[in-house]
């Protein structure tokens, strides 16, 4: 029996939403290397991937598997060494910095493991910074309500718990109504129950804002809330699993 082609598996076919719907993210032959000679590190190796509009994808894999490198290229934060990467009609590979800056500003919301809030600004003011440069933003109060923080609008980061600070970071990412929400270990610094609250905020943004969402994590339990789970190793996608039914974050166990 012929072995399945991993590049074909990376393109969603079993989900009924894929019928007639073009992908928003496309990667073909994507490679990323650092260094040179014997010290060359191959972070991505000939990777192919399609992601559909509104899809919730979880990238799993150990440190060094290429998850963050892939996310950074999709987000316009890094450039591939070779291959193609695009968002709709935006070619990301080979784009200049001005084009990538406009792409990040207009289309992408980022959530990282560490919150990176400005300590001297309130929750509302931290979110407002992004709203001021967005084309069609929500009101900051609306974004904070979406993550359950209407009662903490005028609190400073130092007055918020870690989970609350991360929810402010999610609100800051979604206030611009991003087309794509890219999350790098968003629960990595949080306890289980707090992590579930943050994941609920991300899932709600995916559902209600309609943002195509990619979450990278070491935590295999989070896979249950995804449409598709992509496991990475050695700079490649080594397996793909589609969930017939997504779990609610509160149902996850780890």
C-alpha atoms as a PDB file:
ATOM      1  CA  UNK A   1       0.000   0.000   0.000  1.00  0.00           C
ATOM      2  CA  UNK A   2       1.324   3.429  -0.934  1.00  0.00           C
ATOM      3  CA  UNK A   3       2.220   5.705   1.938  1.00  0.00           C
ATOM      4  CA  UNK A   4       0.151   8.932   2.201  1.00  0.00           C
ATOM      5  CA  UNK A   5       1.765  12.135   1.016  1.00  0.00           C
ATOM      6  CA  UNK A   6       2.224  14.441   4.021  1.00  0.00           C
ATOM      7  CA  UNK A   7       1.945  17.515   1.809  1.00  0.00           C
ATOM      8  CA  UNK A   8      -1.528  16.389   0.742  1.00  0.00           C
ATOM      9  CA  UNK A   9      -2.522  15.659   4.337  1.00  0.00           C
ATOM     10  CA  UNK A  10      -1.527  19.191   5.315  1.00  0.00           C
ATOM     11  CA  UNK A  11      -4.212  20.483   2.970  1.00  0.00           C
ATOM     12  CA  UNK A  12      -7.625  20.074   4.615  1.00  0.00           C
ATOM     13  CA  UNK A  13      -9.916  17.743   2.715  1.00  0.00           C
ATOM     14  CA  UNK A  14     -12.120  15.976   5.238  1.00  0.00           C
ATOM     15  CA  UNK A  15     -13.683  19.086   6.785  1.00  0.00           C
ATOM     16  CA  UNK A  16     -16.850  19.995   4.889  1.00  0.00           C
ATOM     17  CA  UNK A  17     -15.903  23.675   5.073  1.00  0.00           C
ATOM     18  CA  UNK A  18     -13.026  22.991   2.689  1.00  0.00           C
ATOM     19  CA  UNK A  19     -15.359  22.274  -0.228  1.00  0.00           C
ATOM     20  CA  UNK A  20     -14.964  25.167  -2.648  1.00  0.00           C
ATOM     21  CA  UNK A  21     -13.282  27.382  -0.036  1.00  0.00           C
ATOM     22  CA  UNK A  22      -9.787  28.594  -0.964  1.00  0.00           C
ATOM     23  CA  UNK A  23      -7.200  28.564   1.836  1.00  0.00           C
ATOM     24  CA  UNK A  24      -6.059  31.823   3.365  1.00  0.00           C
ATOM     25  CA  UNK A  25      -2.551  30.674   4.330  1.00  0.00           C
ATOM     26  CA  UNK A  26      -0.520  28.735   1.765  1.00  0.00           C
ATOM     27  CA  UNK A  27       3.010  27.416   2.244  1.00  0.00           C
ATOM     28  CA  UNK A  28       4.843  25.477  -0.456  1.00  0.00           C
ATOM     29  CA  UNK A  29       8.352  24.090  -0.156  1.00  0.00           C
ATOM     30  CA  UNK A  30       8.977  26.329   2.843  1.00  0.00           C
ATOM     31  CA  UNK A  31      12.528  26.184   4.195  1.00  0.00           C
ATOM     32  CA  UNK A  32      14.279  28.211   6.874  1.00  0.00           C
ATOM     33  CA  UNK A  33      17.925  27.850   7.799  1.00  0.00           C
ATOM     34  CA  UNK A  34      20.146  29.693  10.244  1.00  0.00           C
ATOM     35  CA  UNK A  35      23.925  29.879  10.261  1.00  0.00           C
ATOM     36  CA  UNK A  36      26.177  28.306   7.676  1.00  0.00           C
ATOM     37  CA  UNK A  37      28.517  25.431   6.974  1.00  0.00           C
ATOM     38  CA  UNK A  38      28.635  22.716   9.606  1.00  0.00           C
ATOM     39  CA  UNK A  39      26.755  25.015  11.998  1.00  0.00           C
ATOM     40  CA  UNK A  40      23.668  25.337   9.753  1.00  0.00           C
ATOM     41  CA  UNK A  41      20.390  24.775  11.576  1.00  0.00           C
ATOM     42  CA  UNK A  42      17.426  23.753   9.413  1.00  0.00           C
ATOM     43  CA  UNK A  43      14.390  25.092  11.255  1.00  0.00           C
ATOM     44  CA  UNK A  44      11.937  24.271   8.432  1.00  0.00           C
ATOM     45  CA  UNK A  45      12.438  21.674   5.704  1.00  0.00           C
ATOM     46  CA  UNK A  46      10.353  21.715   2.510  1.00  0.00           C
ATOM     47  CA  UNK A  47       7.075  22.302   4.361  1.00  0.00           C
ATOM     48  CA  UNK A  48       3.682  22.448   2.595  1.00  0.00           C
ATOM     49  CA  UNK A  49       0.548  23.713   4.342  1.00  0.00           C
ATOM     50  CA  UNK A  50      -2.909  25.136   3.661  1.00  0.00           C
ATOM     51  CA  UNK A  51      -5.063  26.783   6.354  1.00  0.00           C
ATOM     52  CA  UNK A  52      -8.716  27.622   5.745  1.00  0.00           C
ATOM     53  CA  UNK A  53     -10.537  30.844   6.661  1.00  0.00           C
ATOM     54  CA  UNK A  54     -11.840  30.693  10.210  1.00  0.00           C
ATOM     55  CA  UNK A  55     -10.029  27.441  10.962  1.00  0.00           C
ATOM     56  CA  UNK A  56      -8.614  26.750  14.441  1.00  0.00           C
ATOM     57  CA  UNK A  57      -5.266  24.945  14.073  1.00  0.00           C
ATOM     58  CA  UNK A  58      -3.026  23.703  16.880  1.00  0.00           C
ATOM     59  CA  UNK A  59       0.668  23.124  16.164  1.00  0.00           C
ATOM     60  CA  UNK A  60       2.209  20.575  18.517  1.00  0.00           C
ATOM     61  CA  UNK A  61       5.828  19.567  18.838  1.00  0.00           C
ATOM     62  CA  UNK A  62       8.902  19.708  21.035  1.00  0.00           C
ATOM     63  CA  UNK A  63      11.250  22.668  21.249  1.00  0.00           C
ATOM     64  CA  UNK A  64      13.247  22.963  18.049  1.00  0.00           C
ATOM     65  CA  UNK A  65      10.599  21.303  15.882  1.00  0.00           C
ATOM     66  CA  UNK A  66       9.942  24.485  13.876  1.00  0.00           C
ATOM     67  CA  UNK A  67       6.625  25.620  15.359  1.00  0.00           C
ATOM     68  CA  UNK A  68       7.645  29.164  16.243  1.00  0.00           C
ATOM     69  CA  UNK A  69       9.586  29.615  13.010  1.00  0.00           C
ATOM     70  CA  UNK A  70       6.514  28.630  10.992  1.00  0.00           C
ATOM     71  CA  UNK A  71       4.276  30.936  13.032  1.00  0.00           C
ATOM     72  CA  UNK A  72       6.697  33.842  12.628  1.00  0.00           C
ATOM     73  CA  UNK A  73       6.780  33.412   8.850  1.00  0.00           C
ATOM     74  CA  UNK A  74       2.976  33.211   8.654  1.00  0.00           C
ATOM     75  CA  UNK A  75       2.820  36.374  10.759  1.00  0.00           C
ATOM     76  CA  UNK A  76       5.323  38.309   8.663  1.00  0.00           C
ATOM     77  CA  UNK A  77       7.845  38.482  11.512  1.00  0.00           C
ATOM     78  CA  UNK A  78      10.443  36.367   9.730  1.00  0.00           C
ATOM     79  CA  UNK A  79      11.283  35.441   6.131  1.00  0.00           C
ATOM     80  CA  UNK A  80      11.865  31.955   4.722  1.00  0.00           C
ATOM     81  CA  UNK A  81      15.183  30.981   3.210  1.00  0.00           C
ATOM     82  CA  UNK A  82      13.329  29.495   0.243  1.00  0.00           C
ATOM     83  CA  UNK A  83       9.849  28.425  -0.775  1.00  0.00           C
ATOM     84  CA  UNK A  84       6.559  30.261  -0.904  1.00  0.00           C
ATOM     85  CA  UNK A  85       4.373  31.652   1.881  1.00  0.00           C
ATOM     86  CA  UNK A  86       1.265  33.747   1.306  1.00  0.00           C
ATOM     87  CA  UNK A  87      -1.792  35.176   3.005  1.00  0.00           C
ATOM     88  CA  UNK A  88      -4.640  35.465   0.498  1.00  0.00           C
ATOM     89  CA  UNK A  89      -3.108  37.692  -2.203  1.00  0.00           C
ATOM     90  CA  UNK A  90      -0.205  38.845  -0.001  1.00  0.00           C
ATOM     91  CA  UNK A  91       3.064  37.133  -0.893  1.00  0.00           C
ATOM     92  CA  UNK A  92       5.029  36.982   2.358  1.00  0.00           C
ATOM     93  CA  UNK A  93       8.204  35.360   1.030  1.00  0.00           C
ATOM     94  CA  UNK A  94      10.309  38.101  -0.514  1.00  0.00           C
ATOM     95  CA  UNK A  95       8.078  40.966   0.640  1.00  0.00           C
ATOM     96  CA  UNK A  96       9.873  44.090   1.807  1.00  0.00           C
ATOM     97  CA  UNK A  97       9.637  45.353   5.366  1.00  0.00           C
ATOM     98  CA  UNK A  98       7.081  48.057   4.526  1.00  0.00           C
ATOM     99  CA  UNK A  99       4.737  45.468   3.013  1.00  0.00           C
ATOM    100  CA  UNK A 100       5.187  43.106   5.956  1.00  0.00           C
ATOM    101  CA  UNK A 101       4.564  45.925   8.439  1.00  0.00           C
ATOM    102  CA  UNK A 102       1.318  46.818   6.667  1.00  0.00           C
ATOM    103  CA  UNK A 103       0.316  43.150   6.585  1.00  0.00           C
ATOM    104  CA  UNK A 104       0.916  42.719  10.327  1.00  0.00           C
ATOM    105  CA  UNK A 105      -0.889  45.963  11.142  1.00  0.00           C
ATOM    106  CA  UNK A 106      -3.941  45.309   8.998  1.00  0.00           C
ATOM    107  CA  UNK A 107      -4.427  41.550   9.218  1.00  0.00           C
ATOM    108  CA  UNK A 108      -2.664  39.838  12.126  1.00  0.00           C
ATOM    109  CA  UNK A 109      -3.134  39.740  15.880  1.00  0.00           C
ATOM    110  CA  UNK A 110      -0.351  38.182  17.979  1.00  0.00           C
ATOM    111  CA  UNK A 111      -0.484  36.608  21.440  1.00  0.00           C
ATOM    112  CA  UNK A 112       2.785  35.468  23.009  1.00  0.00           C
ATOM    113  CA  UNK A 113       3.672  33.549  26.159  1.00  0.00           C
ATOM    114  CA  UNK A 114       4.741  36.738  27.916  1.00  0.00           C
ATOM    115  CA  UNK A 115       2.168  39.500  27.991  1.00  0.00           C
ATOM    116  CA  UNK A 116       4.351  42.515  27.070  1.00  0.00           C
ATOM    117  CA  UNK A 117       1.866  45.009  28.495  1.00  0.00           C
ATOM    118  CA  UNK A 118       3.004  48.567  29.204  1.00  0.00           C
ATOM    119  CA  UNK A 119       3.062  48.812  33.026  1.00  0.00           C
ATOM    120  CA  UNK A 120       2.170  52.509  33.171  1.00  0.00           C
ATOM    121  CA  UNK A 121      -1.010  52.077  31.109  1.00  0.00           C
ATOM    122  CA  UNK A 122      -4.333  50.625  32.202  1.00  0.00           C
ATOM    123  CA  UNK A 123      -5.869  47.567  30.554  1.00  0.00           C
ATOM    124  CA  UNK A 124      -8.066  49.868  28.478  1.00  0.00           C
ATOM    125  CA  UNK A 125      -5.107  52.037  27.435  1.00  0.00           C
ATOM    126  CA  UNK A 126      -2.961  49.020  26.484  1.00  0.00           C
ATOM    127  CA  UNK A 127      -5.701  47.824  24.143  1.00  0.00           C
ATOM    128  CA  UNK A 128      -6.379  51.341  22.871  1.00  0.00           C
ATOM    129  CA  UNK A 129      -2.796  51.633  21.568  1.00  0.00           C
ATOM    130  CA  UNK A 130      -3.564  49.008  18.921  1.00  0.00           C
ATOM    131  CA  UNK A 131      -7.075  50.305  18.227  1.00  0.00           C
ATOM    132  CA  UNK A 132      -5.619  53.688  17.299  1.00  0.00           C
ATOM    133  CA  UNK A 133      -3.614  52.263  14.377  1.00  0.00           C
ATOM    134  CA  UNK A 134      -6.198  49.746  13.117  1.00  0.00           C
ATOM    135  CA  UNK A 135      -8.453  50.319  10.107  1.00  0.00           C
ATOM    136  CA  UNK A 136     -11.756  49.144  11.617  1.00  0.00           C
ATOM    137  CA  UNK A 137     -11.218  48.438  15.296  1.00  0.00           C
ATOM    138  CA  UNK A 138     -13.634  47.510  18.027  1.00  0.00           C
ATOM    139  CA  UNK A 139     -13.894  49.836  20.956  1.00  0.00           C
ATOM    140  CA  UNK A 140     -11.294  48.768  23.556  1.00  0.00           C
ATOM    141  CA  UNK A 141     -14.130  48.214  26.020  1.00  0.00           C
ATOM    142  CA  UNK A 142     -15.751  45.765  23.583  1.00  0.00           C
ATOM    143  CA  UNK A 143     -12.536  43.783  23.135  1.00  0.00           C
ATOM    144  CA  UNK A 144     -12.002  43.581  26.891  1.00  0.00           C
ATOM    145  CA  UNK A 145     -15.610  42.497  27.376  1.00  0.00           C
ATOM    146  CA  UNK A 146     -15.035  39.708  24.858  1.00  0.00           C
ATOM    147  CA  UNK A 147     -12.342  38.276  27.143  1.00  0.00           C
ATOM    148  CA  UNK A 148     -14.361  38.815  30.321  1.00  0.00           C
ATOM    149  CA  UNK A 149     -12.557  41.862  31.704  1.00  0.00           C
ATOM    150  CA  UNK A 150     -15.202  44.579  31.672  1.00  0.00           C
ATOM    151  CA  UNK A 151     -14.671  44.957  35.411  1.00  0.00           C
ATOM    152  CA  UNK A 152     -10.902  45.549  35.076  1.00  0.00           C
ATOM    153  CA  UNK A 153     -10.769  48.291  32.433  1.00  0.00           C
ATOM    154  CA  UNK A 154      -8.929  50.848  34.550  1.00  0.00           C
ATOM    155  CA  UNK A 155      -6.573  48.514  36.373  1.00  0.00           C
ATOM    156  CA  UNK A 156      -2.848  48.587  35.673  1.00  0.00           C
ATOM    157  CA  UNK A 157      -0.953  45.384  34.780  1.00  0.00           C
ATOM    158  CA  UNK A 158       0.569  45.258  38.256  1.00  0.00           C
ATOM    159  CA  UNK A 159      -2.957  45.079  39.694  1.00  0.00           C
ATOM    160  CA  UNK A 160      -3.914  42.108  37.491  1.00  0.00           C
ATOM    161  CA  UNK A 161      -3.200  38.403  37.848  1.00  0.00           C
ATOM    162  CA  UNK A 162      -1.124  36.622  35.224  1.00  0.00           C
ATOM    163  CA  UNK A 163      -4.229  35.204  33.599  1.00  0.00           C
ATOM    164  CA  UNK A 164      -5.890  38.614  33.520  1.00  0.00           C
ATOM    165  CA  UNK A 165      -2.787  40.149  31.943  1.00  0.00           C
ATOM    166  CA  UNK A 166      -2.806  37.463  29.263  1.00  0.00           C
ATOM    167  CA  UNK A 167      -6.489  38.147  28.579  1.00  0.00           C
ATOM    168  CA  UNK A 168      -5.625  41.826  28.139  1.00  0.00           C
ATOM    169  CA  UNK A 169      -2.999  40.660  25.632  1.00  0.00           C
ATOM    170  CA  UNK A 170      -5.702  38.665  23.797  1.00  0.00           C
ATOM    171  CA  UNK A 171      -7.986  41.727  23.803  1.00  0.00           C
ATOM    172  CA  UNK A 172      -5.119  43.823  22.433  1.00  0.00           C
ATOM    173  CA  UNK A 173      -4.661  41.277  19.625  1.00  0.00           C
ATOM    174  CA  UNK A 174      -8.338  41.087  18.652  1.00  0.00           C
ATOM    175  CA  UNK A 175      -9.319  44.765  18.996  1.00  0.00           C
ATOM    176  CA  UNK A 176      -8.231  45.353  15.381  1.00  0.00           C
ATOM    177  CA  UNK A 177     -10.639  42.568  14.239  1.00  0.00           C
ATOM    178  CA  UNK A 178      -7.718  40.584  12.791  1.00  0.00           C
ATOM    179  CA  UNK A 179      -8.120  38.159   9.939  1.00  0.00           C
ATOM    180  CA  UNK A 180      -5.536  35.906  11.607  1.00  0.00           C
ATOM    181  CA  UNK A 181      -4.847  35.338  15.307  1.00  0.00           C
ATOM    182  CA  UNK A 182      -1.435  33.748  15.903  1.00  0.00           C
ATOM    183  CA  UNK A 183      -0.677  32.524  19.419  1.00  0.00           C
ATOM    184  CA  UNK A 184       2.725  31.290  20.618  1.00  0.00           C
ATOM    185  CA  UNK A 185       2.433  29.264  23.855  1.00  0.00           C
ATOM    186  CA  UNK A 186      -0.326  31.532  25.217  1.00  0.00           C
ATOM    187  CA  UNK A 187      -0.807  29.378  28.332  1.00  0.00           C
ATOM    188  CA  UNK A 188       2.838  28.476  28.867  1.00  0.00           C
ATOM    189  CA  UNK A 189       3.250  30.675  31.948  1.00  0.00           C
ATOM    190  CA  UNK A 190      -0.164  29.935  33.478  1.00  0.00           C
ATOM    191  CA  UNK A 191      -1.662  27.310  35.769  1.00  0.00           C
ATOM    192  CA  UNK A 192      -4.266  24.879  34.425  1.00  0.00           C
ATOM    193  CA  UNK A 193      -7.443  26.705  35.421  1.00  0.00           C
ATOM    194  CA  UNK A 194      -6.115  30.113  34.389  1.00  0.00           C
ATOM    195  CA  UNK A 195      -4.908  28.616  31.114  1.00  0.00           C
ATOM    196  CA  UNK A 196      -8.404  27.349  30.355  1.00  0.00           C
ATOM    197  CA  UNK A 197      -9.825  30.840  30.873  1.00  0.00           C
ATOM    198  CA  UNK A 198      -7.297  32.277  28.407  1.00  0.00           C
ATOM    199  CA  UNK A 199      -8.049  29.506  25.893  1.00  0.00           C
ATOM    200  CA  UNK A 200     -11.752  30.286  26.228  1.00  0.00           C
ATOM    201  CA  UNK A 201     -10.997  33.901  25.300  1.00  0.00           C
ATOM    202  CA  UNK A 202      -9.013  32.748  22.235  1.00  0.00           C
ATOM    203  CA  UNK A 203     -11.755  30.316  21.192  1.00  0.00           C
ATOM    204  CA  UNK A 204     -14.357  33.038  21.532  1.00  0.00           C
ATOM    205  CA  UNK A 205     -12.292  35.361  19.332  1.00  0.00           C
ATOM    206  CA  UNK A 206     -12.019  32.599  16.729  1.00  0.00           C
ATOM    207  CA  UNK A 207     -15.769  32.042  16.856  1.00  0.00           C
ATOM    208  CA  UNK A 208     -17.117  35.583  17.199  1.00  0.00           C
ATOM    209  CA  UNK A 209     -14.471  37.667  15.426  1.00  0.00           C
ATOM    210  CA  UNK A 210     -13.960  34.977  12.784  1.00  0.00           C
ATOM    211  CA  UNK A 211     -10.168  35.105  13.000  1.00  0.00           C
ATOM    212  CA  UNK A 212      -8.292  32.199  11.461  1.00  0.00           C
ATOM    213  CA  UNK A 213      -6.448  30.972  14.552  1.00  0.00           C
ATOM    214  CA  UNK A 214      -3.154  29.137  14.942  1.00  0.00           C
ATOM    215  CA  UNK A 215      -1.964  28.161  18.431  1.00  0.00           C
ATOM    216  CA  UNK A 216       1.430  26.588  19.055  1.00  0.00           C
ATOM    217  CA  UNK A 217       1.936  24.653  22.257  1.00  0.00           C
ATOM    218  CA  UNK A 218       3.794  21.809  23.944  1.00  0.00           C
ATOM    219  CA  UNK A 219       0.555  20.825  25.683  1.00  0.00           C
ATOM    220  CA  UNK A 220      -1.107  17.969  23.788  1.00  0.00           C
ATOM    221  CA  UNK A 221      -4.341  18.393  25.791  1.00  0.00           C
ATOM    222  CA  UNK A 222      -5.054  21.668  23.959  1.00  0.00           C
ATOM    223  CA  UNK A 223      -5.345  19.696  20.703  1.00  0.00           C
ATOM    224  CA  UNK A 224      -8.931  18.780  21.566  1.00  0.00           C
ATOM    225  CA  UNK A 225     -10.210  22.297  20.909  1.00  0.00           C
ATOM    226  CA  UNK A 226      -8.771  22.494  17.365  1.00  0.00           C
ATOM    227  CA  UNK A 227     -10.291  21.790  13.968  1.00  0.00           C
ATOM    228  CA  UNK A 228      -6.958  20.247  12.971  1.00  0.00           C
ATOM    229  CA  UNK A 229      -3.851  19.274  14.911  1.00  0.00           C
ATOM    230  CA  UNK A 230      -0.492  19.420  13.131  1.00  0.00           C
ATOM    231  CA  UNK A 231       2.409  17.675  14.859  1.00  0.00           C
ATOM    232  CA  UNK A 232       5.848  18.939  13.913  1.00  0.00           C
ATOM    233  CA  UNK A 233       9.265  17.402  14.207  1.00  0.00           C
ATOM    234  CA  UNK A 234      12.590  18.204  12.602  1.00  0.00           C
ATOM    235  CA  UNK A 235      11.170  21.191  10.728  1.00  0.00           C
ATOM    236  CA  UNK A 236       8.442  19.143   9.058  1.00  0.00           C
ATOM    237  CA  UNK A 237       4.792  18.296   9.625  1.00  0.00           C
ATOM    238  CA  UNK A 238       4.918  14.651  10.707  1.00  0.00           C
ATOM    239  CA  UNK A 239       1.209  14.002  11.316  1.00  0.00           C
ATOM    240  CA  UNK A 240      -2.166  15.672  10.915  1.00  0.00           C
ATOM    241  CA  UNK A 241      -5.359  14.880  12.796  1.00  0.00           C
ATOM    242  CA  UNK A 242      -8.811  16.397  12.234  1.00  0.00           C
ATOM    243  CA  UNK A 243     -11.245  16.630  15.138  1.00  0.00           C
ATOM    244  CA  UNK A 244     -14.797  15.761  14.200  1.00  0.00           C
ATOM    245  CA  UNK A 245     -15.964  17.667  17.287  1.00  0.00           C
ATOM    246  CA  UNK A 246     -14.034  20.410  19.031  1.00  0.00           C
ATOM    247  CA  UNK A 247     -13.893  20.364  22.837  1.00  0.00           C
ATOM    248  CA  UNK A 248     -14.703  23.451  24.850  1.00  0.00           C
ATOM    249  CA  UNK A 249     -11.627  24.665  26.728  1.00  0.00           C
ATOM    250  CA  UNK A 250     -13.249  23.903  30.085  1.00  0.00           C
ATOM    251  CA  UNK A 251     -13.536  20.259  29.016  1.00  0.00           C
ATOM    252  CA  UNK A 252      -9.795  19.878  28.493  1.00  0.00           C
ATOM    253  CA  UNK A 253      -7.828  17.845  31.017  1.00  0.00           C
ATOM    254  CA  UNK A 254      -4.098  18.132  31.635  1.00  0.00           C
END
